[in-house]
Amino acid sequence: MTIKYTPDHEWIEVHGDGTATVGITHHAQDALGDVVFVDLPEIGKSYAPKEIAGVVESVKAAADVYMPVTGEIVEVNEGLRADPALANTDPLKAGWFFKVKLANPAELDAMMDSTAYDDLLKNS
């Protein structure tokens, strides 16, 4: 499975069945601090890249979660809704936000791999 990153600090893990899982990065959760609430998208709703698909609120601030690709929401993480701290404790596994059915997998080609994302963090 391939993981790509956005400049807005979302990650997207691509699966072989035309779907992908989306969450926020370690950097994002660290910058936000303790996450206390998440607003997840509606299953069945379609989004374009950079549309707001969710909101994450922490003790410090609230931030939008952007859709990294064009697609339809097929699942949301109810475990994260019940325990928003999963975004802090396990952002790349148990703290995922939603799963999306990819409408245009070629959009992934423009996203960063882990090396490019690490370079972005070093230069910001």
PDB file of N, CA and C in Angstrom:
ATOM      1  N   MET A   1       0.831  -1.181   0.000  1.00  0.00           N
ATOM      2  CA  MET A   1       0.000   0.000   0.000  1.00  0.00           C
ATOM      3  C   MET A   1       0.876   1.245   0.000  1.00  0.00           C
ATOM      4  N   THR A   2       0.412   2.254  -0.689  1.00  0.00           N
ATOM      5  CA  THR A   2       1.159   3.477  -0.851  1.00  0.00           C
ATOM      6  C   THR A   2       0.540   4.580  -0.005  1.00  0.00           C
ATOM      7  N   ILE A   3       1.391   5.341   0.693  1.00  0.00           N
ATOM      8  CA  ILE A   3       0.929   6.496   1.456  1.00  0.00           C
ATOM      9  C   ILE A   3       1.471   7.750   0.787  1.00  0.00           C
ATOM     10  N   LYS A   4       0.572   8.710   0.573  1.00  0.00           N
ATOM     11  CA  LYS A   4       0.925  10.008   0.011  1.00  0.00           C
ATOM     12  C   LYS A   4       0.519  11.093   1.008  1.00  0.00           C
ATOM     13  N   TYR A   5       1.047  12.304   0.807  1.00  0.00           N
ATOM     14  CA  TYR A   5       0.820  13.407   1.743  1.00  0.00           C
ATOM     15  C   TYR A   5       0.431  14.668   0.991  1.00  0.00           C
ATOM     16  N   THR A   6      -0.339  15.532   1.690  1.00  0.00           N
ATOM     17  CA  THR A   6      -0.689  16.831   1.129  1.00  0.00           C
ATOM     18  C   THR A   6       0.074  17.927   1.867  1.00  0.00           C
ATOM     19  N   PRO A   7       0.192  19.105   1.280  1.00  0.00           N
ATOM     20  CA  PRO A   7       0.818  20.222   1.992  1.00  0.00           C
ATOM     21  C   PRO A   7      -0.021  20.688   3.182  1.00  0.00           C
ATOM     22  N   ASP A   8      -1.297  20.263   3.219  1.00  0.00           N
ATOM     23  CA  ASP A   8      -2.177  20.612   4.336  1.00  0.00           C
ATOM     24  C   ASP A   8      -2.084  19.598   5.480  1.00  0.00           C
ATOM     25  N   HIS A   9      -1.146  18.655   5.378  1.00  0.00           N
ATOM     26  CA  HIS A   9      -0.833  17.683   6.420  1.00  0.00           C
ATOM     27  C   HIS A   9      -1.886  16.591   6.598  1.00  0.00           C
ATOM     28  N   GLU A  10      -2.516  16.211   5.481  1.00  0.00           N
ATOM     29  CA  GLU A  10      -3.310  14.988   5.479  1.00  0.00           C
ATOM     30  C   GLU A  10      -2.462  13.889   4.850  1.00  0.00           C
ATOM     31  N   TRP A  11      -2.719  12.657   5.260  1.00  0.00           N
ATOM     32  CA  TRP A  11      -2.107  11.512   4.590  1.00  0.00           C
ATOM     33  C   TRP A  11      -3.225  10.712   3.928  1.00  0.00           C
ATOM     34  N   ILE A  12      -2.868   9.970   2.890  1.00  0.00           N
ATOM     35  CA  ILE A  12      -3.842   9.117   2.202  1.00  0.00           C
ATOM     36  C   ILE A  12      -3.131   7.812   1.860  1.00  0.00           C
ATOM     37  N   GLU A  13      -3.710   6.727   2.337  1.00  0.00           N
ATOM     38  CA  GLU A  13      -3.162   5.393   2.073  1.00  0.00           C
ATOM     39  C   GLU A  13      -4.037   4.729   1.025  1.00  0.00           C
ATOM     40  N   VAL A  14      -3.431   4.393  -0.088  1.00  0.00           N
ATOM     41  CA  VAL A  14      -4.151   3.846  -1.227  1.00  0.00           C
ATOM     42  C   VAL A  14      -4.211   2.326  -1.115  1.00  0.00           C
ATOM     43  N   HIS A  15      -5.409   1.779  -1.295  1.00  0.00           N
ATOM     44  CA  HIS A  15      -5.606   0.330  -1.257  1.00  0.00           C
ATOM     45  C   HIS A  15      -5.757  -0.191  -2.687  1.00  0.00           C
ATOM     46  N   GLY A  16      -5.651  -1.466  -2.864  1.00  0.00           N
ATOM     47  CA  GLY A  16      -5.715  -2.060  -4.191  1.00  0.00           C
ATOM     48  C   GLY A  16      -7.115  -2.186  -4.767  1.00  0.00           C
ATOM     49  N   ASP A  17      -8.132  -1.828  -3.992  1.00  0.00           N
ATOM     50  CA  ASP A  17      -9.513  -2.000  -4.453  1.00  0.00           C
ATOM     51  C   ASP A  17     -10.168  -0.703  -4.920  1.00  0.00           C
ATOM     52  N   GLY A  18      -9.366   0.337  -5.167  1.00  0.00           N
ATOM     53  CA  GLY A  18      -9.907   1.614  -5.626  1.00  0.00           C
ATOM     54  C   GLY A  18     -10.364   2.525  -4.515  1.00  0.00           C
ATOM     55  N   THR A  19     -10.033   2.166  -3.267  1.00  0.00           N
ATOM     56  CA  THR A  19     -10.352   3.027  -2.141  1.00  0.00           C
ATOM     57  C   THR A  19      -9.062   3.484  -1.469  1.00  0.00           C
ATOM     58  N   ALA A  20      -9.205   4.459  -0.574  1.00  0.00           N
ATOM     59  CA  ALA A  20      -8.061   4.956   0.177  1.00  0.00           C
ATOM     60  C   ALA A  20      -8.552   5.442   1.533  1.00  0.00           C
ATOM     61  N   THR A  21      -7.656   5.409   2.512  1.00  0.00           N
ATOM     62  CA  THR A  21      -7.934   5.881   3.862  1.00  0.00           C
ATOM     63  C   THR A  21      -7.223   7.214   4.060  1.00  0.00           C
ATOM     64  N   VAL A  22      -7.911   8.160   4.742  1.00  0.00           N
ATOM     65  CA  VAL A  22      -7.385   9.516   4.935  1.00  0.00           C
ATOM     66  C   VAL A  22      -7.325   9.840   6.429  1.00  0.00           C
ATOM     67  N   GLY A  23      -6.266  10.530   6.815  1.00  0.00           N
ATOM     68  CA  GLY A  23      -6.116  11.008   8.188  1.00  0.00           C
ATOM     69  C   GLY A  23      -5.214  12.221   8.218  1.00  0.00           C
ATOM     70  N   ILE A  24      -4.890  12.680   9.424  1.00  0.00           N
ATOM     71  CA  ILE A  24      -3.957  13.798   9.559  1.00  0.00           C
ATOM     72  C   ILE A  24      -2.606  13.245  10.006  1.00  0.00           C
ATOM     73  N   THR A  25      -1.554  13.982   9.706  1.00  0.00           N
ATOM     74  CA  THR A  25      -0.192  13.510   9.972  1.00  0.00           C
ATOM     75  C   THR A  25       0.211  13.724  11.432  1.00  0.00           C
ATOM     76  N   HIS A  26       1.325  13.112  11.804  1.00  0.00           N
ATOM     77  CA  HIS A  26       1.905  13.339  13.129  1.00  0.00           C
ATOM     78  C   HIS A  26       2.156  14.831  13.333  1.00  0.00           C
ATOM     79  N   HIS A  27       2.680  15.484  12.310  1.00  0.00           N
ATOM     80  CA  HIS A  27       2.969  16.923  12.412  1.00  0.00           C
ATOM     81  C   HIS A  27       1.690  17.700  12.731  1.00  0.00           C
ATOM     82  N   ALA A  28       0.597  17.391  12.038  1.00  0.00           N
ATOM     83  CA  ALA A  28      -0.659  18.103  12.251  1.00  0.00           C
ATOM     84  C   ALA A  28      -1.183  17.897  13.662  1.00  0.00           C
ATOM     85  N   GLN A  29      -1.212  16.646  14.100  1.00  0.00           N
ATOM     86  CA  GLN A  29      -1.748  16.395  15.444  1.00  0.00           C
ATOM     87  C   GLN A  29      -0.853  17.009  16.508  1.00  0.00           C
ATOM     88  N   ASP A  30       0.453  17.034  16.276  1.00  0.00           N
ATOM     89  CA  ASP A  30       1.376  17.641  17.239  1.00  0.00           C
ATOM     90  C   ASP A  30       1.153  19.154  17.308  1.00  0.00           C
ATOM     91  N   ALA A  31       0.936  19.778  16.162  1.00  0.00           N
ATOM     92  CA  ALA A  31       0.700  21.227  16.131  1.00  0.00           C
ATOM     93  C   ALA A  31      -0.637  21.585  16.780  1.00  0.00           C
ATOM     94  N   LEU A  32      -1.634  20.719  16.628  1.00  0.00           N
ATOM     95  CA  LEU A  32      -2.953  20.993  17.207  1.00  0.00           C
ATOM     96  C   LEU A  32      -2.969  20.804  18.719  1.00  0.00           C
ATOM     97  N   GLY A  33      -2.211  19.868  19.221  1.00  0.00           N
ATOM     98  CA  GLY A  33      -2.298  19.525  20.642  1.00  0.00           C
ATOM     99  C   GLY A  33      -3.412  18.506  20.862  1.00  0.00           C
ATOM    100  N   ASP A  34      -3.890  18.429  22.082  1.00  0.00           N
ATOM    101  CA  ASP A  34      -4.873  17.403  22.435  1.00  0.00           C
ATOM    102  C   ASP A  34      -6.176  17.586  21.661  1.00  0.00           C
ATOM    103  N   VAL A  35      -6.506  16.601  20.819  1.00  0.00           N
ATOM    104  CA  VAL A  35      -7.732  16.645  20.020  1.00  0.00           C
ATOM    105  C   VAL A  35      -8.907  16.260  20.924  1.00  0.00           C
ATOM    106  N   VAL A  36      -9.964  17.093  20.890  1.00  0.00           N
ATOM    107  CA  VAL A  36     -11.112  16.865  21.764  1.00  0.00           C
ATOM    108  C   VAL A  36     -12.400  16.585  20.993  1.00  0.00           C
ATOM    109  N   PHE A  37     -12.412  16.845  19.667  1.00  0.00           N
ATOM    110  CA  PHE A  37     -13.628  16.640  18.877  1.00  0.00           C
ATOM    111  C   PHE A  37     -13.243  16.496  17.413  1.00  0.00           C
ATOM    112  N   VAL A  38     -13.961  15.626  16.708  1.00  0.00           N
ATOM    113  CA  VAL A  38     -13.806  15.527  15.255  1.00  0.00           C
ATOM    114  C   VAL A  38     -15.188  15.551  14.614  1.00  0.00           C
ATOM    115  N   ASP A  39     -15.308  16.244  13.511  1.00  0.00           N
ATOM    116  CA  ASP A  39     -16.521  16.256  12.697  1.00  0.00           C
ATOM    117  C   ASP A  39     -16.172  15.524  11.416  1.00  0.00           C
ATOM    118  N   LEU A  40     -16.814  14.390  11.198  1.00  0.00           N
ATOM    119  CA  LEU A  40     -16.483  13.540  10.061  1.00  0.00           C
ATOM    120  C   LEU A  40     -17.503  13.733   8.946  1.00  0.00           C
ATOM    121  N   PRO A  41     -17.118  13.470   7.698  1.00  0.00           N
ATOM    122  CA  PRO A  41     -18.030  13.679   6.566  1.00  0.00           C
ATOM    123  C   PRO A  41     -19.153  12.648   6.536  1.00  0.00           C
ATOM    124  N   GLU A  42     -20.153  12.947   5.737  1.00  0.00           N
ATOM    125  CA  GLU A  42     -21.300  12.067   5.575  1.00  0.00           C
ATOM    126  C   GLU A  42     -20.968  10.965   4.570  1.00  0.00           C
ATOM    127  N   ILE A  43     -21.273   9.742   4.937  1.00  0.00           N
ATOM    128  CA  ILE A  43     -21.056   8.618   4.015  1.00  0.00           C
ATOM    129  C   ILE A  43     -21.945   8.810   2.787  1.00  0.00           C
ATOM    130  N   GLY A  44     -21.362   8.610   1.600  1.00  0.00           N
ATOM    131  CA  GLY A  44     -22.082   8.756   0.342  1.00  0.00           C
ATOM    132  C   GLY A  44     -21.907  10.107  -0.319  1.00  0.00           C
ATOM    133  N   LYS A  45     -21.369  11.079   0.415  1.00  0.00           N
ATOM    134  CA  LYS A  45     -21.151  12.415  -0.138  1.00  0.00           C
ATOM    135  C   LYS A  45     -19.851  12.427  -0.944  1.00  0.00           C
ATOM    136  N   SER A  46     -19.874  13.131  -2.065  1.00  0.00           N
ATOM    137  CA  SER A  46     -18.681  13.245  -2.915  1.00  0.00           C
ATOM    138  C   SER A  46     -18.018  14.593  -2.731  1.00  0.00           C
ATOM    139  N   TYR A  47     -16.712  14.601  -2.858  1.00  0.00           N
ATOM    140  CA  TYR A  47     -15.909  15.798  -2.665  1.00  0.00           C
ATOM    141  C   TYR A  47     -14.902  15.946  -3.799  1.00  0.00           C
ATOM    142  N   ALA A  48     -14.505  17.186  -4.019  1.00  0.00           N
ATOM    143  CA  ALA A  48     -13.397  17.496  -4.916  1.00  0.00           C
ATOM    144  C   ALA A  48     -12.159  17.761  -4.054  1.00  0.00           C
ATOM    145  N   PRO A  49     -10.975  17.700  -4.649  1.00  0.00           N
ATOM    146  CA  PRO A  49      -9.766  17.997  -3.883  1.00  0.00           C
ATOM    147  C   PRO A  49      -9.829  19.389  -3.261  1.00  0.00           C
ATOM    148  N   LYS A  50      -9.342  19.498  -2.048  1.00  0.00           N
ATOM    149  CA  LYS A  50      -9.249  20.732  -1.260  1.00  0.00           C
ATOM    150  C   LYS A  50     -10.593  21.185  -0.679  1.00  0.00           C
ATOM    151  N   GLU A  51     -11.676  20.442  -0.914  1.00  0.00           N
ATOM    152  CA  GLU A  51     -12.927  20.766  -0.230  1.00  0.00           C
ATOM    153  C   GLU A  51     -12.806  20.331   1.235  1.00  0.00           C
ATOM    154  N   ILE A  52     -13.475  21.049   2.109  1.00  0.00           N
ATOM    155  CA  ILE A  52     -13.454  20.712   3.528  1.00  0.00           C
ATOM    156  C   ILE A  52     -14.323  19.477   3.742  1.00  0.00           C
ATOM    157  N   ALA A  53     -13.710  18.419   4.251  1.00  0.00           N
ATOM    158  CA  ALA A  53     -14.420  17.163   4.463  1.00  0.00           C
ATOM    159  C   ALA A  53     -14.616  16.859   5.939  1.00  0.00           C
ATOM    160  N   GLY A  54     -14.007  17.655   6.798  1.00  0.00           N
ATOM    161  CA  GLY A  54     -14.140  17.422   8.227  1.00  0.00           C
ATOM    162  C   GLY A  54     -13.489  18.546   9.011  1.00  0.00           C
ATOM    163  N   VAL A  55     -13.651  18.459  10.315  1.00  0.00           N
ATOM    164  CA  VAL A  55     -13.055  19.455  11.209  1.00  0.00           C
ATOM    165  C   VAL A  55     -12.473  18.708  12.401  1.00  0.00           C
ATOM    166  N   VAL A  56     -11.333  19.171  12.846  1.00  0.00           N
ATOM    167  CA  VAL A  56     -10.727  18.617  14.045  1.00  0.00           C
ATOM    168  C   VAL A  56     -10.519  19.768  15.027  1.00  0.00           C
ATOM    169  N   GLU A  57     -10.978  19.568  16.257  1.00  0.00           N
ATOM    170  CA  GLU A  57     -10.841  20.608  17.280  1.00  0.00           C
ATOM    171  C   GLU A  57      -9.958  20.084  18.394  1.00  0.00           C
ATOM    172  N   SER A  58      -9.079  20.961  18.845  1.00  0.00           N
ATOM    173  CA  SER A  58      -8.177  20.607  19.937  1.00  0.00           C
ATOM    174  C   SER A  58      -8.288  21.654  21.033  1.00  0.00           C
ATOM    175  N   VAL A  59      -7.525  21.463  22.082  1.00  0.00           N
ATOM    176  CA  VAL A  59      -7.519  22.437  23.169  1.00  0.00           C
ATOM    177  C   VAL A  59      -6.917  23.763  22.708  1.00  0.00           C
ATOM    178  N   LYS A  60      -6.141  23.742  21.610  1.00  0.00           N
ATOM    179  CA  LYS A  60      -5.498  24.955  21.105  1.00  0.00           C
ATOM    180  C   LYS A  60      -6.294  25.653  20.007  1.00  0.00           C
ATOM    181  N   ALA A  61      -6.910  24.856  19.098  1.00  0.00           N
ATOM    182  CA  ALA A  61      -7.501  25.451  17.902  1.00  0.00           C
ATOM    183  C   ALA A  61      -8.404  24.449  17.195  1.00  0.00           C
ATOM    184  N   ALA A  62      -9.085  24.932  16.177  1.00  0.00           N
ATOM    185  CA  ALA A  62      -9.849  24.066  15.277  1.00  0.00           C
ATOM    186  C   ALA A  62      -9.207  24.165  13.903  1.00  0.00           C
ATOM    187  N   ALA A  63      -9.245  23.063  13.169  1.00  0.00           N
ATOM    188  CA  ALA A  63      -8.659  23.047  11.832  1.00  0.00           C
ATOM    189  C   ALA A  63      -9.545  22.226  10.906  1.00  0.00           C
ATOM    190  N   ASP A  64      -9.582  22.626   9.643  1.00  0.00           N
ATOM    191  CA  ASP A  64     -10.318  21.892   8.632  1.00  0.00           C
ATOM    192  C   ASP A  64      -9.502  20.693   8.166  1.00  0.00           C
ATOM    193  N   VAL A  65     -10.203  19.641   7.795  1.00  0.00           N
ATOM    194  CA  VAL A  65      -9.579  18.481   7.170  1.00  0.00           C
ATOM    195  C   VAL A  65     -10.032  18.501   5.718  1.00  0.00           C
ATOM    196  N   TYR A  66      -9.066  18.605   4.804  1.00  0.00           N
ATOM    197  CA  TYR A  66      -9.375  18.742   3.391  1.00  0.00           C
ATOM    198  C   TYR A  66      -9.356  17.387   2.687  1.00  0.00           C
ATOM    199  N   MET A  67     -10.246  17.257   1.707  1.00  0.00           N
ATOM    200  CA  MET A  67     -10.261  16.062   0.869  1.00  0.00           C
ATOM    201  C   MET A  67      -9.035  16.121  -0.043  1.00  0.00           C
ATOM    202  N   PRO A  68      -8.179  15.104   0.006  1.00  0.00           N
ATOM    203  CA  PRO A  68      -6.973  15.148  -0.827  1.00  0.00           C
ATOM    204  C   PRO A  68      -7.212  14.813  -2.299  1.00  0.00           C
ATOM    205  N   VAL A  69      -8.310  14.113  -2.597  1.00  0.00           N
ATOM    206  CA  VAL A  69      -8.587  13.665  -3.964  1.00  0.00           C
ATOM    207  C   VAL A  69     -10.087  13.756  -4.243  1.00  0.00           C
ATOM    208  N   THR A  70     -10.459  13.590  -5.495  1.00  0.00           N
ATOM    209  CA  THR A  70     -11.865  13.512  -5.847  1.00  0.00           C
ATOM    210  C   THR A  70     -12.390  12.131  -5.476  1.00  0.00           C
ATOM    211  N   GLY A  71     -13.543  12.107  -4.792  1.00  0.00           N
ATOM    212  CA  GLY A  71     -14.085  10.801  -4.449  1.00  0.00           C
ATOM    213  C   GLY A  71     -15.284  10.862  -3.544  1.00  0.00           C
ATOM    214  N   GLU A  72     -15.839   9.686  -3.303  1.00  0.00           N
ATOM    215  CA  GLU A  72     -17.035   9.518  -2.482  1.00  0.00           C
ATOM    216  C   GLU A  72     -16.659   8.873  -1.153  1.00  0.00           C
ATOM    217  N   ILE A  73     -17.198   9.412  -0.071  1.00  0.00           N
ATOM    218  CA  ILE A  73     -16.947   8.856   1.257  1.00  0.00           C
ATOM    219  C   ILE A  73     -17.665   7.506   1.364  1.00  0.00           C
ATOM    220  N   VAL A  74     -16.920   6.468   1.711  1.00  0.00           N
ATOM    221  CA  VAL A  74     -17.518   5.138   1.836  1.00  0.00           C
ATOM    222  C   VAL A  74     -17.525   4.637   3.286  1.00  0.00           C
ATOM    223  N   GLU A  75     -16.743   5.281   4.163  1.00  0.00           N
ATOM    224  CA  GLU A  75     -16.715   4.859   5.560  1.00  0.00           C
ATOM    225  C   GLU A  75     -16.091   5.979   6.386  1.00  0.00           C
ATOM    226  N   VAL A  76     -16.566   6.151   7.613  1.00  0.00           N
ATOM    227  CA  VAL A  76     -15.926   7.080   8.546  1.00  0.00           C
ATOM    228  C   VAL A  76     -15.504   6.291   9.776  1.00  0.00           C
ATOM    229  N   ASN A  77     -14.555   6.826  10.519  1.00  0.00           N
ATOM    230  CA  ASN A  77     -14.010   6.140  11.685  1.00  0.00           C
ATOM    231  C   ASN A  77     -14.845   6.488  12.918  1.00  0.00           C
ATOM    232  N   GLU A  78     -15.821   5.649  13.207  1.00  0.00           N
ATOM    233  CA  GLU A  78     -16.674   5.894  14.380  1.00  0.00           C
ATOM    234  C   GLU A  78     -15.866   5.783  15.673  1.00  0.00           C
ATOM    235  N   GLY A  79     -14.809   5.002  15.650  1.00  0.00           N
ATOM    236  CA  GLY A  79     -13.941   4.909  16.827  1.00  0.00           C
ATOM    237  C   GLY A  79     -13.269   6.232  17.138  1.00  0.00           C
ATOM    238  N   LEU A  80     -12.933   6.976  16.099  1.00  0.00           N
ATOM    239  CA  LEU A  80     -12.325   8.293  16.291  1.00  0.00           C
ATOM    240  C   LEU A  80     -13.357   9.282  16.827  1.00  0.00           C
ATOM    241  N   ARG A  81     -14.598   9.172  16.326  1.00  0.00           N
ATOM    242  CA  ARG A  81     -15.658  10.051  16.821  1.00  0.00           C
ATOM    243  C   ARG A  81     -15.878   9.808  18.328  1.00  0.00           C
ATOM    244  N   ALA A  82     -15.814   8.547  18.740  1.00  0.00           N
ATOM    245  CA  ALA A  82     -16.016   8.202  20.151  1.00  0.00           C
ATOM    246  C   ALA A  82     -14.811   8.571  21.013  1.00  0.00           C
ATOM    247  N   ASP A  83     -13.618   8.511  20.419  1.00  0.00           N
ATOM    248  CA  ASP A  83     -12.390   8.787  21.162  1.00  0.00           C
ATOM    249  C   ASP A  83     -11.468   9.649  20.289  1.00  0.00           C
ATOM    250  N   PRO A  84     -11.732  10.972  20.237  1.00  0.00           N
ATOM    251  CA  PRO A  84     -10.935  11.856  19.366  1.00  0.00           C
ATOM    252  C   PRO A  84      -9.432  11.840  19.664  1.00  0.00           C
ATOM    253  N   ALA A  85      -9.054  11.423  20.858  1.00  0.00           N
ATOM    254  CA  ALA A  85      -7.626  11.379  21.214  1.00  0.00           C
ATOM    255  C   ALA A  85      -6.859  10.375  20.362  1.00  0.00           C
ATOM    256  N   LEU A  86      -7.555   9.479  19.659  1.00  0.00           N
ATOM    257  CA  LEU A  86      -6.859   8.550  18.747  1.00  0.00           C
ATOM    258  C   LEU A  86      -6.089   9.312  17.674  1.00  0.00           C
ATOM    259  N   ALA A  87      -6.563  10.513  17.333  1.00  0.00           N
ATOM    260  CA  ALA A  87      -5.841  11.329  16.343  1.00  0.00           C
ATOM    261  C   ALA A  87      -4.463  11.710  16.860  1.00  0.00           C
ATOM    262  N   ASN A  88      -4.316  11.805  18.194  1.00  0.00           N
ATOM    263  CA  ASN A  88      -3.018  12.125  18.796  1.00  0.00           C
ATOM    264  C   ASN A  88      -2.181  10.874  19.031  1.00  0.00           C
ATOM    265  N   THR A  89      -2.810   9.842  19.554  1.00  0.00           N
ATOM    266  CA  THR A  89      -2.038   8.678  19.985  1.00  0.00           C
ATOM    267  C   THR A  89      -1.649   7.735  18.847  1.00  0.00           C
ATOM    268  N   ASP A  90      -2.446   7.716  17.765  1.00  0.00           N
ATOM    269  CA  ASP A  90      -2.169   6.790  16.662  1.00  0.00           C
ATOM    270  C   ASP A  90      -2.683   7.368  15.339  1.00  0.00           C
ATOM    271  N   PRO A  91      -2.145   8.542  14.921  1.00  0.00           N
ATOM    272  CA  PRO A  91      -2.721   9.242  13.764  1.00  0.00           C
ATOM    273  C   PRO A  91      -2.631   8.477  12.448  1.00  0.00           C
ATOM    274  N   LEU A  92      -1.678   7.565  12.313  1.00  0.00           N
ATOM    275  CA  LEU A  92      -1.512   6.845  11.040  1.00  0.00           C
ATOM    276  C   LEU A  92      -2.192   5.479  11.024  1.00  0.00           C
ATOM    277  N   LYS A  93      -2.824   5.091  12.115  1.00  0.00           N
ATOM    278  CA  LYS A  93      -3.493   3.775  12.160  1.00  0.00           C
ATOM    279  C   LYS A  93      -4.912   3.964  12.719  1.00  0.00           C
ATOM    280  N   ALA A  94      -5.082   3.791  14.028  1.00  0.00           N
ATOM    281  CA  ALA A  94      -6.409   3.844  14.641  1.00  0.00           C
ATOM    282  C   ALA A  94      -7.061   5.215  14.548  1.00  0.00           C
ATOM    283  N   GLY A  95      -6.267   6.273  14.306  1.00  0.00           N
ATOM    284  CA  GLY A  95      -6.799   7.626  14.253  1.00  0.00           C
ATOM    285  C   GLY A  95      -7.166   8.109  12.861  1.00  0.00           C
ATOM    286  N   TRP A  96      -7.382   7.195  11.912  1.00  0.00           N
ATOM    287  CA  TRP A  96      -7.790   7.598  10.557  1.00  0.00           C
ATOM    288  C   TRP A  96      -9.146   8.286  10.614  1.00  0.00           C
ATOM    289  N   PHE A  97      -9.451   9.106   9.606  1.00  0.00           N
ATOM    290  CA  PHE A  97     -10.690   9.896   9.610  1.00  0.00           C
ATOM    291  C   PHE A  97     -11.786   9.282   8.736  1.00  0.00           C
ATOM    292  N   PHE A  98     -11.459   8.996   7.471  1.00  0.00           N
ATOM    293  CA  PHE A  98     -12.489   8.462   6.571  1.00  0.00           C
ATOM    294  C   PHE A  98     -11.842   7.674   5.438  1.00  0.00           C
ATOM    295  N   LYS A  99     -12.694   6.878   4.765  1.00  0.00           N
ATOM    296  CA  LYS A  99     -12.261   6.145   3.583  1.00  0.00           C
ATOM    297  C   LYS A  99     -13.030   6.685   2.394  1.00  0.00           C
ATOM    298  N   VAL A 100     -12.350   6.762   1.269  1.00  0.00           N
ATOM    299  CA  VAL A 100     -12.914   7.361   0.069  1.00  0.00           C
ATOM    300  C   VAL A 100     -12.736   6.421  -1.117  1.00  0.00           C
ATOM    301  N   LYS A 101     -13.762   6.373  -1.971  1.00  0.00           N
ATOM    302  CA  LYS A 101     -13.663   5.655  -3.243  1.00  0.00           C
ATOM    303  C   LYS A 101     -13.077   6.632  -4.250  1.00  0.00           C
ATOM    304  N   LEU A 102     -11.928   6.309  -4.790  1.00  0.00           N
ATOM    305  CA  LEU A 102     -11.206   7.220  -5.680  1.00  0.00           C
ATOM    306  C   LEU A 102     -11.925   7.369  -7.024  1.00  0.00           C
ATOM    307  N   ALA A 103     -12.189   8.615  -7.428  1.00  0.00           N
ATOM    308  CA  ALA A 103     -12.803   8.876  -8.733  1.00  0.00           C
ATOM    309  C   ALA A 103     -11.743   9.077  -9.802  1.00  0.00           C
ATOM    310  N   ASN A 104     -10.561   9.542  -9.406  1.00  0.00           N
ATOM    311  CA  ASN A 104      -9.496   9.818 -10.366  1.00  0.00           C
ATOM    312  C   ASN A 104      -8.142   9.492  -9.732  1.00  0.00           C
ATOM    313  N   PRO A 105      -7.759   8.220  -9.734  1.00  0.00           N
ATOM    314  CA  PRO A 105      -6.501   7.826  -9.076  1.00  0.00           C
ATOM    315  C   PRO A 105      -5.269   8.577  -9.591  1.00  0.00           C
ATOM    316  N   ALA A 106      -5.343   9.134 -10.785  1.00  0.00           N
ATOM    317  CA  ALA A 106      -4.187   9.871 -11.324  1.00  0.00           C
ATOM    318  C   ALA A 106      -3.877  11.106 -10.477  1.00  0.00           C
ATOM    319  N   GLU A 107      -4.838  11.612  -9.708  1.00  0.00           N
ATOM    320  CA  GLU A 107      -4.578  12.758  -8.830  1.00  0.00           C
ATOM    321  C   GLU A 107      -3.510  12.442  -7.787  1.00  0.00           C
ATOM    322  N   LEU A 108      -3.350  11.178  -7.459  1.00  0.00           N
ATOM    323  CA  LEU A 108      -2.353  10.780  -6.468  1.00  0.00           C
ATOM    324  C   LEU A 108      -0.939  11.064  -6.946  1.00  0.00           C
ATOM    325  N   ASP A 109      -0.746  11.093  -8.262  1.00  0.00           N
ATOM    326  CA  ASP A 109       0.593  11.307  -8.823  1.00  0.00           C
ATOM    327  C   ASP A 109       1.158  12.678  -8.448  1.00  0.00           C
ATOM    328  N   ALA A 110       0.293  13.645  -8.184  1.00  0.00           N
ATOM    329  CA  ALA A 110       0.749  14.997  -7.852  1.00  0.00           C
ATOM    330  C   ALA A 110       1.026  15.174  -6.359  1.00  0.00           C
ATOM    331  N   MET A 111       0.749  14.151  -5.572  1.00  0.00           N
ATOM    332  CA  MET A 111       0.927  14.258  -4.129  1.00  0.00           C
ATOM    333  C   MET A 111       2.345  13.848  -3.728  1.00  0.00           C
ATOM    334  N   MET A 112       2.732  14.214  -2.503  1.00  0.00           N
ATOM    335  CA  MET A 112       4.088  13.961  -2.013  1.00  0.00           C
ATOM    336  C   MET A 112       4.221  12.550  -1.445  1.00  0.00           C
ATOM    337  N   ASP A 113       5.406  11.948  -1.670  1.00  0.00           N
ATOM    338  CA  ASP A 113       5.739  10.719  -0.959  1.00  0.00           C
ATOM    339  C   ASP A 113       6.354  11.116   0.393  1.00  0.00           C
ATOM    340  N   SER A 114       6.743  10.143   1.199  1.00  0.00           N
ATOM    341  CA  SER A 114       7.229  10.458   2.550  1.00  0.00           C
ATOM    342  C   SER A 114       8.502  11.304   2.524  1.00  0.00           C
ATOM    343  N   THR A 115       9.384  11.082   1.573  1.00  0.00           N
ATOM    344  CA  THR A 115      10.616  11.861   1.479  1.00  0.00           C
ATOM    345  C   THR A 115      10.309  13.324   1.168  1.00  0.00           C
ATOM    346  N   ALA A 116       9.440  13.555   0.208  1.00  0.00           N
ATOM    347  CA  ALA A 116       9.074  14.933  -0.146  1.00  0.00           C
ATOM    348  C   ALA A 116       8.341  15.619   1.005  1.00  0.00           C
ATOM    349  N   TYR A 117       7.488  14.860   1.723  1.00  0.00           N
ATOM    350  CA  TYR A 117       6.777  15.455   2.863  1.00  0.00           C
ATOM    351  C   TYR A 117       7.763  15.817   3.976  1.00  0.00           C
ATOM    352  N   ASP A 118       8.729  14.934   4.250  1.00  0.00           N
ATOM    353  CA  ASP A 118       9.751  15.236   5.256  1.00  0.00           C
ATOM    354  C   ASP A 118      10.532  16.493   4.867  1.00  0.00           C
ATOM    355  N   ASP A 119      10.844  16.637   3.588  1.00  0.00           N
ATOM    356  CA  ASP A 119      11.541  17.835   3.106  1.00  0.00           C
ATOM    357  C   ASP A 119      10.691  19.079   3.323  1.00  0.00           C
ATOM    358  N   LEU A 120       9.378  18.971   3.077  1.00  0.00           N
ATOM    359  CA  LEU A 120       8.474  20.094   3.316  1.00  0.00           C
ATOM    360  C   LEU A 120       8.534  20.527   4.780  1.00  0.00           C
ATOM    361  N   LEU A 121       8.506  19.561   5.687  1.00  0.00           N
ATOM    362  CA  LEU A 121       8.535  19.889   7.117  1.00  0.00           C
ATOM    363  C   LEU A 121       9.863  20.535   7.507  1.00  0.00           C
ATOM    364  N   LYS A 122      10.959  20.035   6.948  1.00  0.00           N
ATOM    365  CA  LYS A 122      12.278  20.594   7.268  1.00  0.00           C
ATOM    366  C   LYS A 122      12.421  22.024   6.781  1.00  0.00           C
ATOM    367  N   ASN A 123      11.763  22.347   5.688  1.00  0.00           N
ATOM    368  CA  ASN A 123      11.898  23.676   5.083  1.00  0.00           C
ATOM    369  C   ASN A 123      10.771  24.639   5.470  1.00  0.00           C
ATOM    370  N   SER A 124       9.918  24.227   6.386  1.00  0.00           N
ATOM    371  CA  SER A 124       8.822  25.136   6.773  1.00  0.00           C
ATOM    372  C   SER A 124       9.090  25.791   8.109  1.00  0.00           C
TER     373      SER A 124
END
